[in-house]
Amino acid sequence: MGNSHGASSHEQHGSHGSLKSYTIGFVLSIILTIIPITIVMNSMLSKTATLIVILAMAILQFVVQLVFFMHLREGENARWNMMALLLGMIILLTIVAGSIWIMTYNAVAH
């Protein structure tokens, strides 16, 4: 029983990121936050271009958080974790797109 506990403790410890990984993730997160703030505060782009940049930075920020802080690609279940995430994203996008479509259709119909 003692060996089983020691093995699981070692596996859990091994799945954590290194200081280098966390530092890279932190720096990327800061950069991906500063870019849209700078663009918005200085009115550097049109409203549409600003919105596109903000959305792109948000998506990149999401990927950085998953990879560097939540260790999505690490561990023995990495493939299943990725597939579960993709399924969740498909369901989320379907619900959001369907809701927008229904609201748009109802607005035109009335």
PDB file of N, CA and C in Angstrom:
ATOM      1  N   MET A   1       0.814  -1.175   0.000  1.00  0.00           N
ATOM      2  CA  MET A   1       0.000   0.000   0.000  1.00  0.00           C
ATOM      3  C   MET A   1       0.872   1.259   0.000  1.00  0.00           C
ATOM      4  N   GLY A   2       2.001   1.209   0.687  1.00  0.00           N
ATOM      5  CA  GLY A   2       2.913   2.346   0.732  1.00  0.00           C
ATOM      6  C   GLY A   2       3.527   2.625  -0.627  1.00  0.00           C
ATOM      7  N   ASN A   3       3.816   1.584  -1.400  1.00  0.00           N
ATOM      8  CA  ASN A   3       4.396   1.776  -2.722  1.00  0.00           C
ATOM      9  C   ASN A   3       3.410   2.424  -3.670  1.00  0.00           C
ATOM     10  N   SER A   4       2.160   2.042  -3.577  1.00  0.00           N
ATOM     11  CA  SER A   4       1.133   2.615  -4.446  1.00  0.00           C
ATOM     12  C   SER A   4       1.001   4.115  -4.206  1.00  0.00           C
ATOM     13  N   HIS A   5       0.993   4.511  -2.941  1.00  0.00           N
ATOM     14  CA  HIS A   5       0.868   5.932  -2.626  1.00  0.00           C
ATOM     15  C   HIS A   5       2.100   6.699  -3.116  1.00  0.00           C
ATOM     16  N   GLY A   6       3.261   6.128  -2.936  1.00  0.00           N
ATOM     17  CA  GLY A   6       4.494   6.783  -3.370  1.00  0.00           C
ATOM     18  C   GLY A   6       4.548   6.947  -4.881  1.00  0.00           C
ATOM     19  N   ALA A   7       4.068   5.953  -5.616  1.00  0.00           N
ATOM     20  CA  ALA A   7       4.097   6.029  -7.071  1.00  0.00           C
ATOM     21  C   ALA A   7       3.149   7.111  -7.579  1.00  0.00           C
ATOM     22  N   SER A   8       1.947   7.186  -7.001  1.00  0.00           N
ATOM     23  CA  SER A   8       0.997   8.199  -7.465  1.00  0.00           C
ATOM     24  C   SER A   8       1.488   9.592  -7.081  1.00  0.00           C
ATOM     25  N   SER A   9       2.125   9.716  -5.922  1.00  0.00           N
ATOM     26  CA  SER A   9       2.663  11.001  -5.504  1.00  0.00           C
ATOM     27  C   SER A   9       3.761  11.449  -6.462  1.00  0.00           C
ATOM     28  N   HIS A  10       4.594  10.505  -6.890  1.00  0.00           N
ATOM     29  CA  HIS A  10       5.665  10.832  -7.823  1.00  0.00           C
ATOM     30  C   HIS A  10       5.109  11.235  -9.183  1.00  0.00           C
ATOM     31  N   GLU A  11       4.079  10.541  -9.647  1.00  0.00           N
ATOM     32  CA  GLU A  11       3.482  10.875 -10.939  1.00  0.00           C
ATOM     33  C   GLU A  11       2.855  12.257 -10.909  1.00  0.00           C
ATOM     34  N   GLN A  12       2.182  12.595  -9.814  1.00  0.00           N
ATOM     35  CA  GLN A  12       1.564  13.903  -9.715  1.00  0.00           C
ATOM     36  C   GLN A  12       2.628  14.992  -9.689  1.00  0.00           C
ATOM     37  N   HIS A  13       3.721  14.740  -8.990  1.00  0.00           N
ATOM     38  CA  HIS A  13       4.794  15.727  -8.928  1.00  0.00           C
ATOM     39  C   HIS A  13       5.440  15.907 -10.295  1.00  0.00           C
ATOM     40  N   GLY A  14       5.578  14.818 -11.051  1.00  0.00           N
ATOM     41  CA  GLY A  14       6.227  14.891 -12.354  1.00  0.00           C
ATOM     42  C   GLY A  14       5.405  15.620 -13.396  1.00  0.00           C
ATOM     43  N   SER A  15       4.085  15.741 -13.195  1.00  0.00           N
ATOM     44  CA  SER A  15       3.247  16.378 -14.199  1.00  0.00           C
ATOM     45  C   SER A  15       3.211  17.895 -14.065  1.00  0.00           C
ATOM     46  N   HIS A  16       3.808  18.450 -13.026  1.00  0.00           N
ATOM     47  CA  HIS A  16       3.821  19.892 -12.854  1.00  0.00           C
ATOM     48  C   HIS A  16       4.869  20.514 -13.767  1.00  0.00           C
ATOM     49  N   GLY A  17       4.626  21.769 -14.166  1.00  0.00           N
ATOM     50  CA  GLY A  17       5.544  22.462 -15.048  1.00  0.00           C
ATOM     51  C   GLY A  17       6.769  22.960 -14.323  1.00  0.00           C
ATOM     52  N   SER A  18       7.746  23.330 -15.104  1.00  0.00           N
ATOM     53  CA  SER A  18       8.978  23.857 -14.547  1.00  0.00           C
ATOM     54  C   SER A  18       8.867  25.371 -14.377  1.00  0.00           C
ATOM     55  N   LEU A  19       9.813  25.939 -13.679  1.00  0.00           N
ATOM     56  CA  LEU A  19       9.852  27.387 -13.502  1.00  0.00           C
ATOM     57  C   LEU A  19       9.971  28.073 -14.863  1.00  0.00           C
ATOM     58  N   LYS A  20      10.761  27.483 -15.758  1.00  0.00           N
ATOM     59  CA  LYS A  20      10.930  28.034 -17.104  1.00  0.00           C
ATOM     60  C   LYS A  20       9.589  28.059 -17.846  1.00  0.00           C
ATOM     61  N   SER A  21       8.822  26.978 -17.755  1.00  0.00           N
ATOM     62  CA  SER A  21       7.529  26.897 -18.421  1.00  0.00           C
ATOM     63  C   SER A  21       6.566  27.944 -17.878  1.00  0.00           C
ATOM     64  N   TYR A  22       6.514  28.074 -16.550  1.00  0.00           N
ATOM     65  CA  TYR A  22       5.635  29.068 -15.951  1.00  0.00           C
ATOM     66  C   TYR A  22       6.063  30.490 -16.299  1.00  0.00           C
ATOM     67  N   THR A  23       7.363  30.734 -16.344  1.00  0.00           N
ATOM     68  CA  THR A  23       7.864  32.063 -16.687  1.00  0.00           C
ATOM     69  C   THR A  23       7.514  32.412 -18.132  1.00  0.00           C
ATOM     70  N   ILE A  24       7.709  31.478 -19.039  1.00  0.00           N
ATOM     71  CA  ILE A  24       7.361  31.713 -20.445  1.00  0.00           C
ATOM     72  C   ILE A  24       5.859  31.988 -20.570  1.00  0.00           C
ATOM     73  N   GLY A  25       5.038  31.193 -19.903  1.00  0.00           N
ATOM     74  CA  GLY A  25       3.592  31.406 -19.934  1.00  0.00           C
ATOM     75  C   GLY A  25       3.202  32.755 -19.372  1.00  0.00           C
ATOM     76  N   PHE A  26       3.836  33.149 -18.275  1.00  0.00           N
ATOM     77  CA  PHE A  26       3.534  34.437 -17.654  1.00  0.00           C
ATOM     78  C   PHE A  26       3.909  35.594 -18.572  1.00  0.00           C
ATOM     79  N   VAL A  27       5.099  35.537 -19.161  1.00  0.00           N
ATOM     80  CA  VAL A  27       5.558  36.601 -20.059  1.00  0.00           C
ATOM     81  C   VAL A  27       4.649  36.684 -21.286  1.00  0.00           C
ATOM     82  N   LEU A  28       4.299  35.540 -21.863  1.00  0.00           N
ATOM     83  CA  LEU A  28       3.390  35.549 -23.016  1.00  0.00           C
ATOM     84  C   LEU A  28       2.027  36.123 -22.631  1.00  0.00           C
ATOM     85  N   SER A  29       1.539  35.787 -21.453  1.00  0.00           N
ATOM     86  CA  SER A  29       0.253  36.321 -20.994  1.00  0.00           C
ATOM     87  C   SER A  29       0.307  37.844 -20.858  1.00  0.00           C
ATOM     88  N   ILE A  30       1.389  38.349 -20.308  1.00  0.00           N
ATOM     89  CA  ILE A  30       1.553  39.800 -20.163  1.00  0.00           C
ATOM     90  C   ILE A  30       1.592  40.471 -21.534  1.00  0.00           C
ATOM     91  N   ILE A  31       2.373  39.910 -22.459  1.00  0.00           N
ATOM     92  CA  ILE A  31       2.480  40.484 -23.808  1.00  0.00           C
ATOM     93  C   ILE A  31       1.121  40.466 -24.508  1.00  0.00           C
ATOM     94  N   LEU A  32       0.413  39.335 -24.394  1.00  0.00           N
ATOM     95  CA  LEU A  32      -0.890  39.216 -25.053  1.00  0.00           C
ATOM     96  C   LEU A  32      -1.951  40.091 -24.392  1.00  0.00           C
ATOM     97  N   THR A  33      -1.687  40.604 -23.219  1.00  0.00           N
ATOM     98  CA  THR A  33      -2.593  41.550 -22.567  1.00  0.00           C
ATOM     99  C   THR A  33      -2.223  42.982 -22.938  1.00  0.00           C
ATOM    100  N   ILE A  34      -0.929  43.264 -23.034  1.00  0.00           N
ATOM    101  CA  ILE A  34      -0.468  44.624 -23.324  1.00  0.00           C
ATOM    102  C   ILE A  34      -0.798  45.040 -24.754  1.00  0.00           C
ATOM    103  N   ILE A  35      -0.726  44.107 -25.696  1.00  0.00           N
ATOM    104  CA  ILE A  35      -0.980  44.444 -27.112  1.00  0.00           C
ATOM    105  C   ILE A  35      -2.367  45.064 -27.303  1.00  0.00           C
ATOM    106  N   PRO A  36      -3.455  44.412 -26.889  1.00  0.00           N
ATOM    107  CA  PRO A  36      -4.763  45.051 -27.095  1.00  0.00           C
ATOM    108  C   PRO A  36      -4.958  46.324 -26.279  1.00  0.00           C
ATOM    109  N   ILE A  37      -4.393  46.371 -25.072  1.00  0.00           N
ATOM    110  CA  ILE A  37      -4.522  47.586 -24.265  1.00  0.00           C
ATOM    111  C   ILE A  37      -3.878  48.762 -24.980  1.00  0.00           C
ATOM    112  N   THR A  38      -2.692  48.545 -25.537  1.00  0.00           N
ATOM    113  CA  THR A  38      -1.985  49.604 -26.260  1.00  0.00           C
ATOM    114  C   THR A  38      -2.777  50.064 -27.480  1.00  0.00           C
ATOM    115  N   ILE A  39      -3.325  49.106 -28.211  1.00  0.00           N
ATOM    116  CA  ILE A  39      -4.090  49.448 -29.415  1.00  0.00           C
ATOM    117  C   ILE A  39      -5.345  50.242 -29.058  1.00  0.00           C
ATOM    118  N   VAL A  40      -6.028  49.848 -28.003  1.00  0.00           N
ATOM    119  CA  VAL A  40      -7.258  50.542 -27.606  1.00  0.00           C
ATOM    120  C   VAL A  40      -6.945  51.927 -27.021  1.00  0.00           C
ATOM    121  N   MET A  41      -5.959  52.002 -26.142  1.00  0.00           N
ATOM    122  CA  MET A  41      -5.653  53.280 -25.482  1.00  0.00           C
ATOM    123  C   MET A  41      -5.146  54.336 -26.453  1.00  0.00           C
ATOM    124  N   ASN A  42      -4.455  53.922 -27.515  1.00  0.00           N
ATOM    125  CA  ASN A  42      -3.893  54.871 -28.468  1.00  0.00           C
ATOM    126  C   ASN A  42      -4.716  54.995 -29.740  1.00  0.00           C
ATOM    127  N   SER A  43      -5.856  54.320 -29.818  1.00  0.00           N
ATOM    128  CA  SER A  43      -6.727  54.346 -31.009  1.00  0.00           C
ATOM    129  C   SER A  43      -5.928  54.125 -32.284  1.00  0.00           C
ATOM    130  N   MET A  44      -5.140  53.070 -32.295  1.00  0.00           N
ATOM    131  CA  MET A  44      -4.224  52.811 -33.405  1.00  0.00           C
ATOM    132  C   MET A  44      -4.918  52.226 -34.639  1.00  0.00           C
ATOM    133  N   LEU A  45      -6.029  51.515 -34.445  1.00  0.00           N
ATOM    134  CA  LEU A  45      -6.698  50.845 -35.554  1.00  0.00           C
ATOM    135  C   LEU A  45      -8.166  51.236 -35.588  1.00  0.00           C
ATOM    136  N   SER A  46      -8.828  50.876 -36.678  1.00  0.00           N
ATOM    137  CA  SER A  46     -10.272  51.110 -36.756  1.00  0.00           C
ATOM    138  C   SER A  46     -10.979  50.210 -35.748  1.00  0.00           C
ATOM    139  N   LYS A  47     -12.261  50.462 -35.542  1.00  0.00           N
ATOM    140  CA  LYS A  47     -13.009  49.673 -34.556  1.00  0.00           C
ATOM    141  C   LYS A  47     -13.049  48.195 -34.938  1.00  0.00           C
ATOM    142  N   THR A  48     -13.246  47.909 -36.214  1.00  0.00           N
ATOM    143  CA  THR A  48     -13.306  46.512 -36.660  1.00  0.00           C
ATOM    144  C   THR A  48     -11.955  45.828 -36.479  1.00  0.00           C
ATOM    145  N   ALA A  49     -10.887  46.495 -36.877  1.00  0.00           N
ATOM    146  CA  ALA A  49      -9.546  45.918 -36.735  1.00  0.00           C
ATOM    147  C   ALA A  49      -9.193  45.737 -35.257  1.00  0.00           C
ATOM    148  N   THR A  50      -9.582  46.690 -34.425  1.00  0.00           N
ATOM    149  CA  THR A  50      -9.336  46.577 -32.983  1.00  0.00           C
ATOM    150  C   THR A  50     -10.067  45.374 -32.409  1.00  0.00           C
ATOM    151  N   LEU A  51     -11.308  45.183 -32.811  1.00  0.00           N
ATOM    152  CA  LEU A  51     -12.080  44.039 -32.343  1.00  0.00           C
ATOM    153  C   LEU A  51     -11.433  42.724 -32.776  1.00  0.00           C
ATOM    154  N   ILE A  52     -10.948  42.673 -34.000  1.00  0.00           N
ATOM    155  CA  ILE A  52     -10.282  41.459 -34.496  1.00  0.00           C
ATOM    156  C   ILE A  52      -9.015  41.179 -33.701  1.00  0.00           C
ATOM    157  N   VAL A  53      -8.227  42.217 -33.420  1.00  0.00           N
ATOM    158  CA  VAL A  53      -7.004  42.049 -32.639  1.00  0.00           C
ATOM    159  C   VAL A  53      -7.333  41.572 -31.227  1.00  0.00           C
ATOM    160  N   ILE A  54      -8.346  42.156 -30.614  1.00  0.00           N
ATOM    161  CA  ILE A  54      -8.727  41.747 -29.262  1.00  0.00           C
ATOM    162  C   ILE A  54      -9.159  40.286 -29.239  1.00  0.00           C
ATOM    163  N   LEU A  55      -9.979  39.879 -30.208  1.00  0.00           N
ATOM    164  CA  LEU A  55     -10.421  38.491 -30.273  1.00  0.00           C
ATOM    165  C   LEU A  55      -9.251  37.536 -30.527  1.00  0.00           C
ATOM    166  N   ALA A  56      -8.341  37.922 -31.405  1.00  0.00           N
ATOM    167  CA  ALA A  56      -7.174  37.080 -31.697  1.00  0.00           C
ATOM    168  C   ALA A  56      -6.290  36.932 -30.458  1.00  0.00           C
ATOM    169  N   MET A  57      -6.068  38.030 -29.738  1.00  0.00           N
ATOM    170  CA  MET A  57      -5.253  37.972 -28.531  1.00  0.00           C
ATOM    171  C   MET A  57      -5.937  37.140 -27.444  1.00  0.00           C
ATOM    172  N   ALA A  58      -7.267  37.204 -27.378  1.00  0.00           N
ATOM    173  CA  ALA A  58      -8.005  36.405 -26.391  1.00  0.00           C
ATOM    174  C   ALA A  58      -7.865  34.913 -26.697  1.00  0.00           C
ATOM    175  N   ILE A  59      -7.935  34.556 -27.962  1.00  0.00           N
ATOM    176  CA  ILE A  59      -7.779  33.147 -28.350  1.00  0.00           C
ATOM    177  C   ILE A  59      -6.363  32.677 -28.046  1.00  0.00           C
ATOM    178  N   LEU A  60      -5.374  33.491 -28.376  1.00  0.00           N
ATOM    179  CA  LEU A  60      -3.985  33.136 -28.070  1.00  0.00           C
ATOM    180  C   LEU A  60      -3.763  33.033 -26.563  1.00  0.00           C
ATOM    181  N   GLN A  61      -4.377  33.934 -25.813  1.00  0.00           N
ATOM    182  CA  GLN A  61      -4.273  33.897 -24.351  1.00  0.00           C
ATOM    183  C   GLN A  61      -4.867  32.591 -23.811  1.00  0.00           C
ATOM    184  N   PHE A  62      -5.984  32.168 -24.381  1.00  0.00           N
ATOM    185  CA  PHE A  62      -6.625  30.906 -23.998  1.00  0.00           C
ATOM    186  C   PHE A  62      -5.680  29.732 -24.245  1.00  0.00           C
ATOM    187  N   VAL A  63      -5.021  29.720 -25.390  1.00  0.00           N
ATOM    188  CA  VAL A  63      -4.085  28.641 -25.724  1.00  0.00           C
ATOM    189  C   VAL A  63      -2.890  28.655 -24.773  1.00  0.00           C
ATOM    190  N   VAL A  64      -2.355  29.839 -24.489  1.00  0.00           N
ATOM    191  CA  VAL A  64      -1.216  29.951 -23.570  1.00  0.00           C
ATOM    192  C   VAL A  64      -1.600  29.416 -22.192  1.00  0.00           C
ATOM    193  N   GLN A  65      -2.788  29.780 -21.707  1.00  0.00           N
ATOM    194  CA  GLN A  65      -3.229  29.299 -20.399  1.00  0.00           C
ATOM    195  C   GLN A  65      -3.346  27.783 -20.375  1.00  0.00           C
ATOM    196  N   LEU A  66      -3.908  27.209 -21.437  1.00  0.00           N
ATOM    197  CA  LEU A  66      -4.067  25.758 -21.497  1.00  0.00           C
ATOM    198  C   LEU A  66      -2.731  25.036 -21.546  1.00  0.00           C
ATOM    199  N   VAL A  67      -1.824  25.526 -22.344  1.00  0.00           N
ATOM    200  CA  VAL A  67      -0.553  24.830 -22.559  1.00  0.00           C
ATOM    201  C   VAL A  67       0.413  25.020 -21.387  1.00  0.00           C
ATOM    202  N   PHE A  68       0.596  26.270 -20.950  1.00  0.00           N
ATOM    203  CA  PHE A  68       1.641  26.548 -19.969  1.00  0.00           C
ATOM    204  C   PHE A  68       1.189  26.401 -18.516  1.00  0.00           C
ATOM    205  N   PHE A  69      -0.094  26.641 -18.220  1.00  0.00           N
ATOM    206  CA  PHE A  69      -0.536  26.602 -16.835  1.00  0.00           C
ATOM    207  C   PHE A  69      -1.402  25.391 -16.510  1.00  0.00           C
ATOM    208  N   MET A  70      -2.190  24.928 -17.467  1.00  0.00           N
ATOM    209  CA  MET A  70      -3.063  23.792 -17.206  1.00  0.00           C
ATOM    210  C   MET A  70      -2.479  22.488 -17.745  1.00  0.00           C
ATOM    211  N   HIS A  71      -1.316  22.559 -18.386  1.00  0.00           N
ATOM    212  CA  HIS A  71      -0.556  21.390 -18.850  1.00  0.00           C
ATOM    213  C   HIS A  71      -1.413  20.458 -19.696  1.00  0.00           C
ATOM    214  N   LEU A  72      -2.110  21.028 -20.659  1.00  0.00           N
ATOM    215  CA  LEU A  72      -3.025  20.247 -21.484  1.00  0.00           C
ATOM    216  C   LEU A  72      -2.300  19.150 -22.259  1.00  0.00           C
ATOM    217  N   ARG A  73      -1.083  19.401 -22.695  1.00  0.00           N
ATOM    218  CA  ARG A  73      -0.365  18.430 -23.531  1.00  0.00           C
ATOM    219  C   ARG A  73       0.470  17.444 -22.723  1.00  0.00           C
ATOM    220  N   GLU A  74       0.468  17.562 -21.401  1.00  0.00           N
ATOM    221  CA  GLU A  74       1.298  16.688 -20.585  1.00  0.00           C
ATOM    222  C   GLU A  74       0.473  15.596 -19.930  1.00  0.00           C
ATOM    223  N   GLY A  75       1.126  14.544 -19.516  1.00  0.00           N
ATOM    224  CA  GLY A  75       0.457  13.468 -18.782  1.00  0.00           C
ATOM    225  C   GLY A  75       0.037  12.330 -19.693  1.00  0.00           C
ATOM    226  N   GLU A  76      -0.432  11.271 -19.064  1.00  0.00           N
ATOM    227  CA  GLU A  76      -0.780  10.085 -19.824  1.00  0.00           C
ATOM    228  C   GLU A  76      -2.120  10.214 -20.530  1.00  0.00           C
ATOM    229  N   ASN A  77      -2.976  11.134 -20.089  1.00  0.00           N
ATOM    230  CA  ASN A  77      -4.284  11.323 -20.713  1.00  0.00           C
ATOM    231  C   ASN A  77      -4.339  12.573 -21.581  1.00  0.00           C
ATOM    232  N   ALA A  78      -3.210  13.004 -22.105  1.00  0.00           N
ATOM    233  CA  ALA A  78      -3.155  14.254 -22.863  1.00  0.00           C
ATOM    234  C   ALA A  78      -4.074  14.215 -24.080  1.00  0.00           C
ATOM    235  N   ARG A  79      -4.097  13.094 -24.774  1.00  0.00           N
ATOM    236  CA  ARG A  79      -4.931  12.991 -25.975  1.00  0.00           C
ATOM    237  C   ARG A  79      -6.415  13.072 -25.605  1.00  0.00           C
ATOM    238  N   TRP A  80      -6.813  12.390 -24.531  1.00  0.00           N
ATOM    239  CA  TRP A  80      -8.205  12.416 -24.101  1.00  0.00           C
ATOM    240  C   TRP A  80      -8.591  13.803 -23.596  1.00  0.00           C
ATOM    241  N   ASN A  81      -7.675  14.465 -22.912  1.00  0.00           N
ATOM    242  CA  ASN A  81      -7.943  15.825 -22.445  1.00  0.00           C
ATOM    243  C   ASN A  81      -8.188  16.764 -23.623  1.00  0.00           C
ATOM    244  N   MET A  82      -7.368  16.623 -24.657  1.00  0.00           N
ATOM    245  CA  MET A  82      -7.515  17.464 -25.848  1.00  0.00           C
ATOM    246  C   MET A  82      -8.838  17.174 -26.546  1.00  0.00           C
ATOM    247  N   MET A  83      -9.190  15.900 -26.655  1.00  0.00           N
ATOM    248  CA  MET A  83     -10.444  15.540 -27.314  1.00  0.00           C
ATOM    249  C   MET A  83     -11.644  16.041 -26.510  1.00  0.00           C
ATOM    250  N   ALA A  84     -11.586  15.965 -25.189  1.00  0.00           N
ATOM    251  CA  ALA A  84     -12.670  16.472 -24.347  1.00  0.00           C
ATOM    252  C   ALA A  84     -12.791  17.991 -24.492  1.00  0.00           C
ATOM    253  N   LEU A  85     -11.657  18.674 -24.557  1.00  0.00           N
ATOM    254  CA  LEU A  85     -11.669  20.117 -24.751  1.00  0.00           C
ATOM    255  C   LEU A  85     -12.286  20.471 -26.102  1.00  0.00           C
ATOM    256  N   LEU A  86     -11.893  19.763 -27.152  1.00  0.00           N
ATOM    257  CA  LEU A  86     -12.443  20.039 -28.485  1.00  0.00           C
ATOM    258  C   LEU A  86     -13.949  19.782 -28.524  1.00  0.00           C
ATOM    259  N   LEU A  87     -14.404  18.704 -27.908  1.00  0.00           N
ATOM    260  CA  LEU A  87     -15.830  18.429 -27.858  1.00  0.00           C
ATOM    261  C   LEU A  87     -16.562  19.552 -27.115  1.00  0.00           C
ATOM    262  N   GLY A  88     -16.009  19.984 -26.000  1.00  0.00           N
ATOM    263  CA  GLY A  88     -16.616  21.087 -25.255  1.00  0.00           C
ATOM    264  C   GLY A  88     -16.672  22.367 -26.078  1.00  0.00           C
ATOM    265  N   MET A  89     -15.604  22.648 -26.816  1.00  0.00           N
ATOM    266  CA  MET A  89     -15.572  23.841 -27.662  1.00  0.00           C
ATOM    267  C   MET A  89     -16.603  23.746 -28.785  1.00  0.00           C
ATOM    268  N   ILE A  90     -16.752  22.564 -29.379  1.00  0.00           N
ATOM    269  CA  ILE A  90     -17.746  22.385 -30.439  1.00  0.00           C
ATOM    270  C   ILE A  90     -19.149  22.605 -29.888  1.00  0.00           C
ATOM    271  N   ILE A  91     -19.421  22.044 -28.721  1.00  0.00           N
ATOM    272  CA  ILE A  91     -20.743  22.235 -28.099  1.00  0.00           C
ATOM    273  C   ILE A  91     -20.966  23.709 -27.783  1.00  0.00           C
ATOM    274  N   LEU A  92     -19.964  24.366 -27.205  1.00  0.00           N
ATOM    275  CA  LEU A  92     -20.077  25.783 -26.874  1.00  0.00           C
ATOM    276  C   LEU A  92     -20.322  26.631 -28.118  1.00  0.00           C
ATOM    277  N   LEU A  93     -19.534  26.408 -29.161  1.00  0.00           N
ATOM    278  CA  LEU A  93     -19.698  27.185 -30.396  1.00  0.00           C
ATOM    279  C   LEU A  93     -21.045  26.921 -31.047  1.00  0.00           C
ATOM    280  N   THR A  94     -21.530  25.681 -30.978  1.00  0.00           N
ATOM    281  CA  THR A  94     -22.841  25.355 -31.534  1.00  0.00           C
ATOM    282  C   THR A  94     -23.949  26.105 -30.789  1.00  0.00           C
ATOM    283  N   ILE A  95     -23.862  26.128 -29.471  1.00  0.00           N
ATOM    284  CA  ILE A  95     -24.873  26.833 -28.676  1.00  0.00           C
ATOM    285  C   ILE A  95     -24.829  28.336 -28.948  1.00  0.00           C
ATOM    286  N   VAL A  96     -23.625  28.916 -28.967  1.00  0.00           N
ATOM    287  CA  VAL A  96     -23.503  30.358 -29.194  1.00  0.00           C
ATOM    288  C   VAL A  96     -23.954  30.720 -30.601  1.00  0.00           C
ATOM    289  N   ALA A  97     -23.466  29.986 -31.613  1.00  0.00           N
ATOM    290  CA  ALA A  97     -23.845  30.280 -32.996  1.00  0.00           C
ATOM    291  C   ALA A  97     -25.344  30.076 -33.198  1.00  0.00           C
ATOM    292  N   GLY A  98     -25.901  29.016 -32.631  1.00  0.00           N
ATOM    293  CA  GLY A  98     -27.332  28.779 -32.745  1.00  0.00           C
ATOM    294  C   GLY A  98     -28.144  29.872 -32.087  1.00  0.00           C
ATOM    295  N   SER A  99     -27.698  30.331 -30.928  1.00  0.00           N
ATOM    296  CA  SER A  99     -28.399  31.412 -30.227  1.00  0.00           C
ATOM    297  C   SER A  99     -28.367  32.701 -31.031  1.00  0.00           C
ATOM    298  N   ILE A 100     -27.200  33.017 -31.589  1.00  0.00           N
ATOM    299  CA  ILE A 100     -27.089  34.233 -32.409  1.00  0.00           C
ATOM    300  C   ILE A 100     -27.972  34.112 -33.646  1.00  0.00           C
ATOM    301  N   TRP A 101     -27.973  32.945 -34.269  1.00  0.00           N
ATOM    302  CA  TRP A 101     -28.791  32.724 -35.456  1.00  0.00           C
ATOM    303  C   TRP A 101     -30.278  32.890 -35.137  1.00  0.00           C
ATOM    304  N   ILE A 102     -30.717  32.296 -34.032  1.00  0.00           N
ATOM    305  CA  ILE A 102     -32.121  32.398 -33.636  1.00  0.00           C
ATOM    306  C   ILE A 102     -32.483  33.834 -33.303  1.00  0.00           C
ATOM    307  N   MET A 103     -31.620  34.547 -32.568  1.00  0.00           N
ATOM    308  CA  MET A 103     -31.915  35.941 -32.227  1.00  0.00           C
ATOM    309  C   MET A 103     -31.958  36.812 -33.474  1.00  0.00           C
ATOM    310  N   THR A 104     -31.080  36.560 -34.423  1.00  0.00           N
ATOM    311  CA  THR A 104     -31.067  37.321 -35.661  1.00  0.00           C
ATOM    312  C   THR A 104     -32.332  37.044 -36.458  1.00  0.00           C
ATOM    313  N   TYR A 105     -32.712  35.786 -36.579  1.00  0.00           N
ATOM    314  CA  TYR A 105     -33.906  35.402 -37.330  1.00  0.00           C
ATOM    315  C   TYR A 105     -35.151  36.010 -36.683  1.00  0.00           C
ATOM    316  N   ASN A 106     -35.255  35.960 -35.370  1.00  0.00           N
ATOM    317  CA  ASN A 106     -36.418  36.524 -34.683  1.00  0.00           C
ATOM    318  C   ASN A 106     -36.483  38.036 -34.839  1.00  0.00           C
ATOM    319  N   ALA A 107     -35.349  38.692 -34.879  1.00  0.00           N
ATOM    320  CA  ALA A 107     -35.321  40.146 -35.038  1.00  0.00           C
ATOM    321  C   ALA A 107     -35.819  40.540 -36.427  1.00  0.00           C
ATOM    322  N   VAL A 108     -35.501  39.738 -37.451  1.00  0.00           N
ATOM    323  CA  VAL A 108     -35.911  40.035 -38.826  1.00  0.00           C
ATOM    324  C   VAL A 108     -37.389  39.699 -39.015  1.00  0.00           C
ATOM    325  N   ALA A 109     -37.843  38.600 -38.402  1.00  0.00           N
ATOM    326  CA  ALA A 109     -39.204  38.120 -38.603  1.00  0.00           C
ATOM    327  C   ALA A 109     -40.235  39.071 -37.999  1.00  0.00           C
ATOM    328  N   HIS A 110     -39.902  39.774 -36.965  1.00  0.00           N
ATOM    329  CA  HIS A 110     -40.871  40.655 -36.316  1.00  0.00           C
ATOM    330  C   HIS A 110     -40.711  42.016 -36.848  1.00  0.00           C
TER     331      HIS A 110
END
